[in-house]
Structure formats: C-alpha cells, structure tokens
C-alpha cells in the first residue's frame, strides 16, 4: 500500500515538507510500480510496424 508524504509525516511526527524532501532524495531507490494497464503493443512490435510503414 502506498502512503502519502503527509501520512508518513504524521506517523513519524515530522513536517510534511521534510517527509516530501526525503521522498525526493530517495526517489531513485524506490521501485517503479505505476500500477496502470500494460501496453497492448510491445516495443518490438512497434518497431516492426514503424519499419513496415517506412518501407511503404
């Protein structure tokens, strides 16, 4: 479950801006989990289609 900077700040008794700054500093260490719908076309298929369109 994802928590907002304000929720974390409240739990740790720090300001929400401090929690936000810590989040920004450590953003590259956090896993990327967008949680949205996956693409219907994968990258390989897109490149194949581009190549075929360029050929005419």
Foldseek 3Di string as FASTA:
>chain_A
DDDQLCVVCVVVVHDSVVSVVVCVVCVVVDDDDPPDDDDPDDPVRVVVVVVVVVVD
